[in-house]
Amino acid sequence: MITHLKGKIAELSPAHVVIDCNGVGYMLHISLNTFSKIKDLGEVFIYTLLIVREDAHLLYGFSERDEREIFIQLVSVSGIGAATARMILSSLSADEIRSAISAGDVRRFKAVKGVGEKSAQRIIVDLKDKMGQFTGSTGMGGVLSMQAEAAAALAALGFSKAQADKALGAALKEPGANDSVEKLIKLSLKFL
């Protein structure tokens, strides 16, 4: 899996960037937030996520790890695809998304093109447990990272995404679950 790229910007638009890494150009789909952060740079370090579909392999780029984590959480919601998640990240910052989820602010998500009432409610319901108890970019980014790492570890152990998500949700309610990734994984294993 490609986790990040470092190289020179060969081509840039508000929707994508081409990064030249030692003579190989990688096209990444980006949000407007990422575009605004990299538009004046010559060389960049971009976090990436590869999404494999039946008809395409798409590489998404993010200027910050936190933005990538939010993107991963958004695409985990049923009915929210990569294009819609990118649109949400283009319209709202990571902190605004967290705030809207914590507050149950359906209107804020409905203001994003392509997100209707049901999708907005689904985002809030599905992600509230993962984000609701934490506020602020530092705390939330760490929790999202821990959850993503724990989910990846559970997947590597052979558990399905649905099993891992259910176990992680239960483990996060236990005292001390956010102390470390290792503790979160151990607690999750008790629910599998």
N, C-alpha and C. Protein backbone atom coordinates (compact mmCIF):
# COMPACT_ATOMS: atom_id res chain seq x y z
N MET A 1 0.84 -1.19 0.00
CA MET A 1 0.00 0.00 0.00
C MET A 1 0.88 1.24 0.00
N ILE A 2 0.48 2.24 -0.73
CA ILE A 2 1.20 3.51 -0.79
C ILE A 2 0.65 4.39 0.33
N THR A 3 1.48 4.74 1.30
CA THR A 3 1.00 5.53 2.44
C THR A 3 1.29 7.02 2.30
N HIS A 4 2.33 7.36 1.54
CA HIS A 4 2.65 8.77 1.32
C HIS A 4 3.57 8.90 0.12
N LEU A 5 3.64 10.11 -0.39
CA LEU A 5 4.54 10.43 -1.50
C LEU A 5 5.27 11.73 -1.18
N LYS A 6 6.51 11.81 -1.58
CA LYS A 6 7.27 13.05 -1.44
C LYS A 6 7.91 13.33 -2.80
N GLY A 7 7.66 14.51 -3.31
CA GLY A 7 8.22 14.85 -4.60
C GLY A 7 7.80 16.23 -5.05
N LYS A 8 8.13 16.53 -6.31
CA LYS A 8 7.82 17.84 -6.87
C LYS A 8 6.45 17.82 -7.53
N ILE A 9 5.77 18.95 -7.43
CA ILE A 9 4.47 19.07 -8.08
C ILE A 9 4.70 19.27 -9.58
N ALA A 10 4.20 18.32 -10.38
CA ALA A 10 4.34 18.40 -11.83
C ALA A 10 3.11 19.05 -12.45
N GLU A 11 1.96 18.86 -11.82
CA GLU A 11 0.69 19.40 -12.33
C GLU A 11 -0.23 19.59 -11.13
N LEU A 12 -0.99 20.68 -11.15
CA LEU A 12 -1.87 20.95 -10.02
C LEU A 12 -3.16 21.60 -10.47
N SER A 13 -4.28 21.08 -9.96
CA SER A 13 -5.59 21.70 -10.16
C SER A 13 -6.34 21.57 -8.84
N PRO A 14 -7.46 22.25 -8.67
CA PRO A 14 -8.20 22.11 -7.42
C PRO A 14 -8.72 20.69 -7.15
N ALA A 15 -8.75 19.84 -8.18
CA ALA A 15 -9.27 18.49 -8.01
C ALA A 15 -8.20 17.40 -7.96
N HIS A 16 -7.01 17.68 -8.51
CA HIS A 16 -5.97 16.67 -8.50
C HIS A 16 -4.57 17.30 -8.54
N VAL A 17 -3.59 16.48 -8.18
CA VAL A 17 -2.20 16.89 -8.25
C VAL A 17 -1.40 15.72 -8.81
N VAL A 18 -0.40 16.04 -9.61
CA VAL A 18 0.52 15.01 -10.09
C VAL A 18 1.85 15.28 -9.40
N ILE A 19 2.33 14.27 -8.66
CA ILE A 19 3.58 14.38 -7.94
C ILE A 19 4.64 13.58 -8.69
N ASP A 20 5.76 14.24 -9.02
CA ASP A 20 6.88 13.58 -9.68
C ASP A 20 7.81 13.05 -8.60
N CYS A 21 7.86 11.71 -8.49
CA CYS A 21 8.74 11.05 -7.52
C CYS A 21 9.82 10.31 -8.29
N ASN A 22 10.98 10.94 -8.42
CA ASN A 22 12.11 10.35 -9.13
C ASN A 22 11.76 9.90 -10.54
N GLY A 23 11.04 10.74 -11.26
CA GLY A 23 10.72 10.46 -12.65
C GLY A 23 9.41 9.73 -12.88
N VAL A 24 8.74 9.31 -11.83
CA VAL A 24 7.44 8.65 -11.96
C VAL A 24 6.37 9.61 -11.46
N GLY A 25 5.36 9.86 -12.28
CA GLY A 25 4.29 10.78 -11.89
C GLY A 25 3.09 10.04 -11.31
N TYR A 26 2.68 10.44 -10.12
CA TYR A 26 1.51 9.86 -9.46
C TYR A 26 0.40 10.89 -9.44
N MET A 27 -0.77 10.53 -10.00
CA MET A 27 -1.91 11.43 -9.95
C MET A 27 -2.73 11.12 -8.72
N LEU A 28 -2.99 12.16 -7.91
CA LEU A 28 -3.77 12.00 -6.69
C LEU A 28 -4.98 12.91 -6.75
N HIS A 29 -6.13 12.38 -6.36
CA HIS A 29 -7.34 13.18 -6.23
C HIS A 29 -7.24 13.88 -4.87
N ILE A 30 -7.50 15.19 -4.85
CA ILE A 30 -7.35 15.95 -3.60
C ILE A 30 -8.59 16.79 -3.32
N SER A 31 -8.70 17.22 -2.07
CA SER A 31 -9.78 18.13 -1.67
C SER A 31 -9.31 19.57 -1.86
N LEU A 32 -10.25 20.49 -1.80
CA LEU A 32 -9.88 21.91 -1.90
C LEU A 32 -9.03 22.34 -0.72
N ASN A 33 -9.24 21.74 0.45
CA ASN A 33 -8.41 22.06 1.62
C ASN A 33 -6.95 21.70 1.36
N THR A 34 -6.71 20.52 0.79
CA THR A 34 -5.34 20.12 0.46
C THR A 34 -4.77 21.02 -0.63
N PHE A 35 -5.58 21.32 -1.64
CA PHE A 35 -5.13 22.22 -2.71
C PHE A 35 -4.65 23.55 -2.15
N SER A 36 -5.43 24.14 -1.25
CA SER A 36 -5.05 25.45 -0.71
C SER A 36 -3.77 25.38 0.12
N LYS A 37 -3.49 24.24 0.72
CA LYS A 37 -2.27 24.11 1.53
C LYS A 37 -1.02 23.84 0.71
N ILE A 38 -1.17 23.26 -0.48
CA ILE A 38 0.01 22.90 -1.28
C ILE A 38 0.22 23.77 -2.51
N LYS A 39 -0.72 24.66 -2.82
CA LYS A 39 -0.66 25.38 -4.10
C LYS A 39 0.57 26.25 -4.27
N ASP A 40 1.17 26.71 -3.19
CA ASP A 40 2.34 27.59 -3.30
C ASP A 40 3.66 26.85 -3.05
N LEU A 41 3.59 25.53 -2.96
CA LEU A 41 4.80 24.74 -2.68
C LEU A 41 5.34 24.12 -3.96
N GLY A 42 6.64 23.95 -4.02
CA GLY A 42 7.26 23.27 -5.15
C GLY A 42 7.39 21.78 -4.90
N GLU A 43 7.81 21.45 -3.68
CA GLU A 43 7.96 20.06 -3.29
C GLU A 43 7.00 19.79 -2.13
N VAL A 44 6.38 18.62 -2.14
CA VAL A 44 5.36 18.33 -1.12
C VAL A 44 5.54 16.93 -0.53
N PHE A 45 5.00 16.76 0.65
CA PHE A 45 4.85 15.45 1.29
C PHE A 45 3.36 15.26 1.45
N ILE A 46 2.82 14.24 0.78
CA ILE A 46 1.37 14.02 0.76
C ILE A 46 1.07 12.62 1.31
N TYR A 47 0.12 12.57 2.25
CA TYR A 47 -0.39 11.29 2.73
C TYR A 47 -1.35 10.76 1.68
N THR A 48 -1.39 9.45 1.49
CA THR A 48 -2.20 8.88 0.42
C THR A 48 -3.09 7.75 0.91
N LEU A 49 -4.08 7.45 0.10
CA LEU A 49 -4.94 6.30 0.32
C LEU A 49 -5.31 5.76 -1.06
N LEU A 50 -5.06 4.49 -1.27
CA LEU A 50 -5.39 3.83 -2.53
C LEU A 50 -6.74 3.14 -2.37
N ILE A 51 -7.67 3.48 -3.26
CA ILE A 51 -8.97 2.82 -3.27
C ILE A 51 -9.08 2.02 -4.56
N VAL A 52 -9.28 0.72 -4.39
CA VAL A 52 -9.36 -0.18 -5.53
C VAL A 52 -10.83 -0.50 -5.78
N ARG A 53 -11.27 -0.17 -6.99
CA ARG A 53 -12.64 -0.49 -7.40
C ARG A 53 -12.56 -1.50 -8.53
N GLU A 54 -13.70 -1.99 -8.92
CA GLU A 54 -13.74 -2.97 -10.00
C GLU A 54 -13.20 -2.39 -11.31
N ASP A 55 -13.45 -1.10 -11.53
CA ASP A 55 -13.06 -0.49 -12.80
C ASP A 55 -11.88 0.47 -12.71
N ALA A 56 -11.33 0.70 -11.51
CA ALA A 56 -10.24 1.66 -11.40
C ALA A 56 -9.49 1.52 -10.08
N HIS A 57 -8.24 1.96 -10.10
CA HIS A 57 -7.43 2.10 -8.88
C HIS A 57 -7.23 3.61 -8.72
N LEU A 58 -7.77 4.17 -7.65
CA LEU A 58 -7.73 5.62 -7.45
C LEU A 58 -6.88 5.96 -6.24
N LEU A 59 -5.98 6.91 -6.42
CA LEU A 59 -5.10 7.34 -5.35
C LEU A 59 -5.56 8.71 -4.87
N TYR A 60 -5.83 8.82 -3.57
CA TYR A 60 -6.28 10.08 -2.98
C TYR A 60 -5.15 10.65 -2.15
N GLY A 61 -5.01 11.98 -2.18
CA GLY A 61 -3.93 12.64 -1.46
C GLY A 61 -4.45 13.62 -0.43
N PHE A 62 -3.70 13.74 0.67
CA PHE A 62 -4.11 14.60 1.79
C PHE A 62 -2.89 15.31 2.34
N SER A 63 -3.04 16.61 2.61
CA SER A 63 -1.91 17.38 3.13
C SER A 63 -1.61 17.04 4.58
N GLU A 64 -2.59 16.49 5.30
CA GLU A 64 -2.40 16.14 6.71
C GLU A 64 -2.92 14.75 6.99
N ARG A 65 -2.30 14.07 7.92
CA ARG A 65 -2.73 12.72 8.31
C ARG A 65 -4.16 12.75 8.85
N ASP A 66 -4.49 13.81 9.59
CA ASP A 66 -5.82 13.94 10.17
C ASP A 66 -6.91 13.94 9.09
N GLU A 67 -6.64 14.62 7.97
CA GLU A 67 -7.60 14.67 6.88
C GLU A 67 -7.80 13.27 6.28
N ARG A 68 -6.72 12.52 6.15
CA ARG A 68 -6.83 11.15 5.63
C ARG A 68 -7.66 10.28 6.57
N GLU A 69 -7.45 10.42 7.87
CA GLU A 69 -8.21 9.63 8.85
C GLU A 69 -9.70 9.94 8.77
N ILE A 70 -10.04 11.22 8.64
CA ILE A 70 -11.45 11.61 8.50
C ILE A 70 -12.03 11.01 7.22
N PHE A 71 -11.27 11.06 6.12
CA PHE A 71 -11.68 10.50 4.84
C PHE A 71 -11.99 9.01 5.00
N ILE A 72 -11.08 8.28 5.67
CA ILE A 72 -11.27 6.85 5.89
C ILE A 72 -12.55 6.59 6.67
N GLN A 73 -12.80 7.40 7.70
CA GLN A 73 -14.02 7.24 8.48
C GLN A 73 -15.26 7.54 7.64
N LEU A 74 -15.20 8.58 6.82
CA LEU A 74 -16.35 8.95 5.99
C LEU A 74 -16.69 7.86 4.99
N VAL A 75 -15.69 7.29 4.32
CA VAL A 75 -15.99 6.26 3.32
C VAL A 75 -16.43 4.95 3.96
N SER A 76 -16.23 4.82 5.27
CA SER A 76 -16.71 3.62 5.96
C SER A 76 -18.22 3.67 6.20
N VAL A 77 -18.82 4.84 6.02
CA VAL A 77 -20.26 5.01 6.21
C VAL A 77 -20.97 4.50 4.96
N SER A 78 -21.97 3.66 5.15
CA SER A 78 -22.73 3.11 4.04
C SER A 78 -23.35 4.23 3.21
N GLY A 79 -23.13 4.19 1.91
CA GLY A 79 -23.71 5.19 1.01
C GLY A 79 -22.82 6.40 0.77
N ILE A 80 -21.70 6.49 1.47
CA ILE A 80 -20.77 7.60 1.26
C ILE A 80 -19.55 7.05 0.52
N GLY A 81 -19.42 7.47 -0.72
CA GLY A 81 -18.29 7.03 -1.52
C GLY A 81 -17.14 8.00 -1.42
N ALA A 82 -16.06 7.68 -2.12
CA ALA A 82 -14.86 8.51 -2.08
C ALA A 82 -15.12 9.92 -2.63
N ALA A 83 -15.92 10.01 -3.69
CA ALA A 83 -16.20 11.33 -4.28
C ALA A 83 -16.97 12.22 -3.30
N THR A 84 -17.94 11.64 -2.60
CA THR A 84 -18.72 12.41 -1.62
C THR A 84 -17.85 12.78 -0.43
N ALA A 85 -17.01 11.85 0.03
CA ALA A 85 -16.12 12.15 1.15
C ALA A 85 -15.16 13.28 0.79
N ARG A 86 -14.67 13.26 -0.45
CA ARG A 86 -13.77 14.34 -0.90
C ARG A 86 -14.52 15.66 -0.96
N MET A 87 -15.78 15.63 -1.38
CA MET A 87 -16.60 16.84 -1.43
C MET A 87 -16.81 17.40 -0.02
N ILE A 88 -17.05 16.52 0.94
CA ILE A 88 -17.23 16.95 2.33
C ILE A 88 -15.94 17.60 2.83
N LEU A 89 -14.79 16.98 2.54
CA LEU A 89 -13.51 17.53 2.98
C LEU A 89 -13.14 18.81 2.23
N SER A 90 -13.72 19.02 1.07
CA SER A 90 -13.50 20.27 0.34
C SER A 90 -14.34 21.40 0.92
N SER A 91 -15.48 21.04 1.52
CA SER A 91 -16.40 22.04 2.06
C SER A 91 -16.17 22.35 3.53
N LEU A 92 -15.69 21.36 4.29
CA LEU A 92 -15.51 21.51 5.73
C LEU A 92 -14.12 21.05 6.14
N SER A 93 -13.56 21.70 7.14
CA SER A 93 -12.27 21.25 7.67
C SER A 93 -12.49 20.03 8.54
N ALA A 94 -11.42 19.35 8.89
CA ALA A 94 -11.52 18.17 9.75
C ALA A 94 -12.15 18.54 11.09
N ASP A 95 -11.77 19.67 11.66
CA ASP A 95 -12.34 20.11 12.94
C ASP A 95 -13.83 20.42 12.81
N GLU A 96 -14.24 21.02 11.68
CA GLU A 96 -15.66 21.32 11.46
C GLU A 96 -16.47 20.04 11.31
N ILE A 97 -15.89 19.04 10.67
CA ILE A 97 -16.57 17.75 10.51
C ILE A 97 -16.76 17.10 11.88
N ARG A 98 -15.70 17.08 12.68
CA ARG A 98 -15.79 16.52 14.03
C ARG A 98 -16.85 17.23 14.86
N SER A 99 -16.84 18.55 14.78
CA SER A 99 -17.78 19.37 15.53
C SER A 99 -19.21 19.08 15.10
N ALA A 100 -19.45 18.99 13.79
CA ALA A 100 -20.79 18.72 13.27
C ALA A 100 -21.27 17.34 13.69
N ILE A 101 -20.38 16.36 13.70
CA ILE A 101 -20.75 15.01 14.12
C ILE A 101 -21.07 15.00 15.61
N SER A 102 -20.22 15.62 16.41
CA SER A 102 -20.43 15.66 17.86
C SER A 102 -21.73 16.36 18.22
N ALA A 103 -22.04 17.44 17.48
CA ALA A 103 -23.24 18.23 17.78
C ALA A 103 -24.49 17.67 17.09
N GLY A 104 -24.32 16.68 16.23
CA GLY A 104 -25.46 16.13 15.49
C GLY A 104 -26.04 17.14 14.50
N ASP A 105 -25.18 17.96 13.91
CA ASP A 105 -25.58 19.04 13.03
C ASP A 105 -25.83 18.54 11.60
N VAL A 106 -27.03 18.06 11.34
CA VAL A 106 -27.41 17.54 10.03
C VAL A 106 -27.33 18.63 8.97
N ARG A 107 -27.74 19.85 9.32
CA ARG A 107 -27.75 20.96 8.35
C ARG A 107 -26.36 21.24 7.77
N ARG A 108 -25.33 21.12 8.58
CA ARG A 108 -23.98 21.41 8.11
C ARG A 108 -23.58 20.41 7.01
N PHE A 109 -23.93 19.15 7.19
CA PHE A 109 -23.61 18.15 6.16
C PHE A 109 -24.52 18.30 4.94
N LYS A 110 -25.79 18.66 5.16
CA LYS A 110 -26.71 18.84 4.04
C LYS A 110 -26.29 20.00 3.15
N ALA A 111 -25.52 20.94 3.68
CA ALA A 111 -25.05 22.08 2.89
C ALA A 111 -24.00 21.66 1.86
N VAL A 112 -23.44 20.47 2.02
CA VAL A 112 -22.44 19.96 1.09
C VAL A 112 -23.14 19.34 -0.11
N LYS A 113 -22.70 19.69 -1.30
CA LYS A 113 -23.29 19.16 -2.53
C LYS A 113 -23.18 17.63 -2.55
N GLY A 114 -24.32 16.98 -2.81
CA GLY A 114 -24.33 15.53 -2.90
C GLY A 114 -24.68 14.81 -1.60
N VAL A 115 -24.87 15.58 -0.52
CA VAL A 115 -25.23 14.97 0.76
C VAL A 115 -26.65 15.37 1.12
N GLY A 116 -27.53 14.39 1.19
CA GLY A 116 -28.92 14.64 1.55
C GLY A 116 -29.17 14.40 3.02
N GLU A 117 -30.43 14.50 3.39
CA GLU A 117 -30.84 14.34 4.79
C GLU A 117 -30.45 12.97 5.35
N LYS A 118 -30.76 11.90 4.62
CA LYS A 118 -30.48 10.56 5.11
C LYS A 118 -28.98 10.30 5.21
N SER A 119 -28.23 10.75 4.22
CA SER A 119 -26.77 10.56 4.26
C SER A 119 -26.17 11.33 5.42
N ALA A 120 -26.63 12.54 5.64
CA ALA A 120 -26.11 13.36 6.75
C ALA A 120 -26.40 12.67 8.09
N GLN A 121 -27.62 12.15 8.24
CA GLN A 121 -27.97 11.45 9.47
C GLN A 121 -27.13 10.19 9.65
N ARG A 122 -26.90 9.48 8.56
CA ARG A 122 -26.11 8.24 8.62
C ARG A 122 -24.67 8.55 9.04
N ILE A 123 -24.10 9.63 8.51
CA ILE A 123 -22.73 10.03 8.89
C ILE A 123 -22.67 10.27 10.40
N ILE A 124 -23.64 11.02 10.90
CA ILE A 124 -23.65 11.37 12.32
C ILE A 124 -23.84 10.13 13.18
N VAL A 125 -24.80 9.28 12.83
CA VAL A 125 -25.07 8.08 13.63
C VAL A 125 -23.88 7.11 13.61
N ASP A 126 -23.34 6.87 12.41
CA ASP A 126 -22.25 5.90 12.28
C ASP A 126 -20.95 6.37 12.92
N LEU A 127 -20.68 7.68 12.88
CA LEU A 127 -19.38 8.17 13.37
C LEU A 127 -19.43 8.82 14.74
N LYS A 128 -20.62 9.02 15.28
CA LYS A 128 -20.71 9.71 16.58
C LYS A 128 -19.98 8.95 17.68
N ASP A 129 -20.12 7.62 17.70
CA ASP A 129 -19.43 6.83 18.72
C ASP A 129 -17.92 6.91 18.57
N LYS A 130 -17.46 7.05 17.35
CA LYS A 130 -16.02 7.11 17.10
C LYS A 130 -15.46 8.50 17.38
N MET A 131 -16.29 9.53 17.25
CA MET A 131 -15.80 10.89 17.41
C MET A 131 -16.46 11.68 18.52
N GLY A 132 -17.66 11.27 18.92
CA GLY A 132 -18.47 12.08 19.81
C GLY A 132 -17.86 12.40 21.15
N GLN A 133 -17.09 11.47 21.72
CA GLN A 133 -16.60 11.71 23.07
C GLN A 133 -15.33 12.55 23.11
N PHE A 134 -14.78 12.89 21.96
CA PHE A 134 -13.55 13.66 21.92
C PHE A 134 -13.74 14.95 21.14
N THR A 135 -13.04 15.99 21.54
CA THR A 135 -13.09 17.25 20.82
C THR A 135 -11.68 17.76 20.62
N GLY A 136 -11.53 18.63 19.65
CA GLY A 136 -10.21 19.22 19.40
C GLY A 136 -9.41 18.35 18.47
N SER A 137 -8.60 18.97 17.63
CA SER A 137 -7.89 18.23 16.61
C SER A 137 -6.82 17.31 17.19
N THR A 138 -6.18 17.69 18.26
CA THR A 138 -5.13 16.85 18.81
C THR A 138 -5.70 15.55 19.36
N GLY A 139 -6.69 15.66 20.23
CA GLY A 139 -7.27 14.47 20.82
C GLY A 139 -7.93 13.58 19.79
N MET A 140 -8.69 14.16 18.90
CA MET A 140 -9.44 13.36 17.94
C MET A 140 -8.52 12.71 16.93
N GLY A 141 -7.54 13.47 16.44
CA GLY A 141 -6.62 12.90 15.46
C GLY A 141 -5.92 11.68 16.03
N GLY A 142 -5.52 11.74 17.31
CA GLY A 142 -4.86 10.63 17.96
C GLY A 142 -5.79 9.44 18.08
N VAL A 143 -7.04 9.69 18.44
CA VAL A 143 -8.00 8.61 18.59
C VAL A 143 -8.29 7.97 17.24
N LEU A 144 -8.47 8.79 16.20
CA LEU A 144 -8.72 8.23 14.88
C LEU A 144 -7.53 7.39 14.42
N SER A 145 -6.32 7.87 14.67
CA SER A 145 -5.13 7.13 14.30
C SER A 145 -5.08 5.80 15.04
N MET A 146 -5.36 5.84 16.34
CA MET A 146 -5.35 4.62 17.14
C MET A 146 -6.40 3.64 16.61
N GLN A 147 -7.59 4.15 16.32
CA GLN A 147 -8.65 3.27 15.81
C GLN A 147 -8.24 2.67 14.47
N ALA A 148 -7.67 3.49 13.59
CA ALA A 148 -7.26 3.00 12.27
C ALA A 148 -6.17 1.94 12.42
N GLU A 149 -5.20 2.18 13.30
CA GLU A 149 -4.13 1.20 13.52
C GLU A 149 -4.69 -0.08 14.11
N ALA A 150 -5.58 0.05 15.09
CA ALA A 150 -6.17 -1.12 15.72
C ALA A 150 -7.00 -1.91 14.70
N ALA A 151 -7.77 -1.21 13.87
CA ALA A 151 -8.57 -1.87 12.83
C ALA A 151 -7.69 -2.60 11.84
N ALA A 152 -6.57 -1.98 11.46
CA ALA A 152 -5.63 -2.61 10.54
C ALA A 152 -5.02 -3.87 11.17
N ALA A 153 -4.70 -3.78 12.45
CA ALA A 153 -4.13 -4.94 13.15
C ALA A 153 -5.14 -6.08 13.22
N LEU A 154 -6.40 -5.76 13.51
CA LEU A 154 -7.44 -6.79 13.58
C LEU A 154 -7.68 -7.42 12.21
N ALA A 155 -7.61 -6.59 11.17
CA ALA A 155 -7.75 -7.12 9.80
C ALA A 155 -6.60 -8.06 9.47
N ALA A 156 -5.39 -7.69 9.91
CA ALA A 156 -4.22 -8.54 9.67
C ALA A 156 -4.34 -9.87 10.40
N LEU A 157 -5.08 -9.87 11.51
CA LEU A 157 -5.30 -11.10 12.26
C LEU A 157 -6.41 -11.96 11.65
N GLY A 158 -7.05 -11.45 10.59
CA GLY A 158 -8.05 -12.23 9.87
C GLY A 158 -9.50 -11.91 10.17
N PHE A 159 -9.76 -10.86 10.95
CA PHE A 159 -11.13 -10.49 11.25
C PHE A 159 -11.68 -9.59 10.15
N SER A 160 -12.98 -9.70 9.88
CA SER A 160 -13.61 -8.86 8.85
C SER A 160 -13.73 -7.43 9.37
N LYS A 161 -13.97 -6.50 8.46
CA LYS A 161 -14.12 -5.09 8.83
C LYS A 161 -15.31 -4.92 9.77
N ALA A 162 -16.41 -5.62 9.49
CA ALA A 162 -17.59 -5.51 10.34
C ALA A 162 -17.31 -6.03 11.75
N GLN A 163 -16.60 -7.17 11.85
CA GLN A 163 -16.25 -7.71 13.16
C GLN A 163 -15.34 -6.74 13.91
N ALA A 164 -14.34 -6.22 13.20
CA ALA A 164 -13.38 -5.30 13.83
C ALA A 164 -14.06 -4.03 14.30
N ASP A 165 -14.93 -3.46 13.47
CA ASP A 165 -15.64 -2.23 13.84
C ASP A 165 -16.51 -2.44 15.07
N LYS A 166 -17.21 -3.56 15.12
CA LYS A 166 -18.09 -3.85 16.26
C LYS A 166 -17.26 -4.02 17.54
N ALA A 167 -16.17 -4.76 17.43
CA ALA A 167 -15.31 -4.97 18.60
C ALA A 167 -14.65 -3.68 19.06
N LEU A 168 -14.19 -2.86 18.11
CA LEU A 168 -13.58 -1.58 18.47
C LEU A 168 -14.59 -0.66 19.15
N GLY A 169 -15.81 -0.64 18.63
CA GLY A 169 -16.85 0.18 19.24
C GLY A 169 -17.10 -0.21 20.69
N ALA A 170 -17.13 -1.51 20.94
CA ALA A 170 -17.34 -2.00 22.31
C ALA A 170 -16.12 -1.72 23.18
N ALA A 171 -14.93 -1.92 22.61
CA ALA A 171 -13.69 -1.71 23.38
C ALA A 171 -13.51 -0.25 23.77
N LEU A 172 -13.92 0.67 22.91
CA LEU A 172 -13.75 2.10 23.20
C LEU A 172 -14.56 2.55 24.41
N LYS A 173 -15.57 1.76 24.78
CA LYS A 173 -16.39 2.11 25.95
C LYS A 173 -15.74 1.65 27.25
N GLU A 174 -14.69 0.84 27.13
CA GLU A 174 -14.00 0.32 28.31
C GLU A 174 -13.03 1.36 28.86
N PRO A 175 -12.82 1.38 30.19
CA PRO A 175 -11.87 2.33 30.77
C PRO A 175 -10.45 2.07 30.27
N GLY A 176 -9.75 3.13 29.92
CA GLY A 176 -8.36 3.04 29.49
C GLY A 176 -8.16 2.61 28.06
N ALA A 177 -9.24 2.51 27.29
CA ALA A 177 -9.12 2.05 25.89
C ALA A 177 -8.26 2.98 25.05
N ASN A 178 -8.23 4.25 25.40
CA ASN A 178 -7.47 5.21 24.60
C ASN A 178 -6.05 5.43 25.09
N ASP A 179 -5.60 4.58 26.00
CA ASP A 179 -4.24 4.72 26.52
C ASP A 179 -3.18 4.41 25.47
N SER A 180 -3.41 3.35 24.69
CA SER A 180 -2.45 2.97 23.65
C SER A 180 -3.14 2.08 22.63
N VAL A 181 -2.52 1.94 21.48
CA VAL A 181 -3.06 1.08 20.42
C VAL A 181 -3.08 -0.37 20.90
N GLU A 182 -2.00 -0.78 21.58
CA GLU A 182 -1.91 -2.15 22.07
C GLU A 182 -3.07 -2.47 23.01
N LYS A 183 -3.37 -1.54 23.93
CA LYS A 183 -4.45 -1.78 24.88
C LYS A 183 -5.80 -1.84 24.16
N LEU A 184 -5.98 -0.96 23.16
CA LEU A 184 -7.22 -0.97 22.39
C LEU A 184 -7.39 -2.30 21.65
N ILE A 185 -6.32 -2.82 21.09
CA ILE A 185 -6.38 -4.10 20.37
C ILE A 185 -6.71 -5.23 21.35
N LYS A 186 -6.04 -5.24 22.50
CA LYS A 186 -6.29 -6.30 23.50
C LYS A 186 -7.75 -6.25 23.97
N LEU A 187 -8.26 -5.06 24.23
CA LEU A 187 -9.65 -4.95 24.65
C LEU A 187 -10.60 -5.39 23.55
N SER A 188 -10.27 -5.04 22.30
CA SER A 188 -11.11 -5.43 21.16
C SER A 188 -11.17 -6.94 21.00
N LEU A 189 -10.03 -7.60 21.23
CA LEU A 189 -9.98 -9.05 21.08
C LEU A 189 -10.92 -9.76 22.04
N LYS A 190 -11.19 -9.13 23.19
CA LYS A 190 -12.12 -9.73 24.15
C LYS A 190 -13.54 -9.79 23.60
N PHE A 191 -13.85 -8.89 22.64
CA PHE A 191 -15.21 -8.83 22.09
C PHE A 191 -15.35 -9.60 20.77
N LEU A 192 -14.31 -10.28 20.37
CA LEU A 192 -14.35 -11.04 19.11
C LEU A 192 -14.57 -12.52 19.37
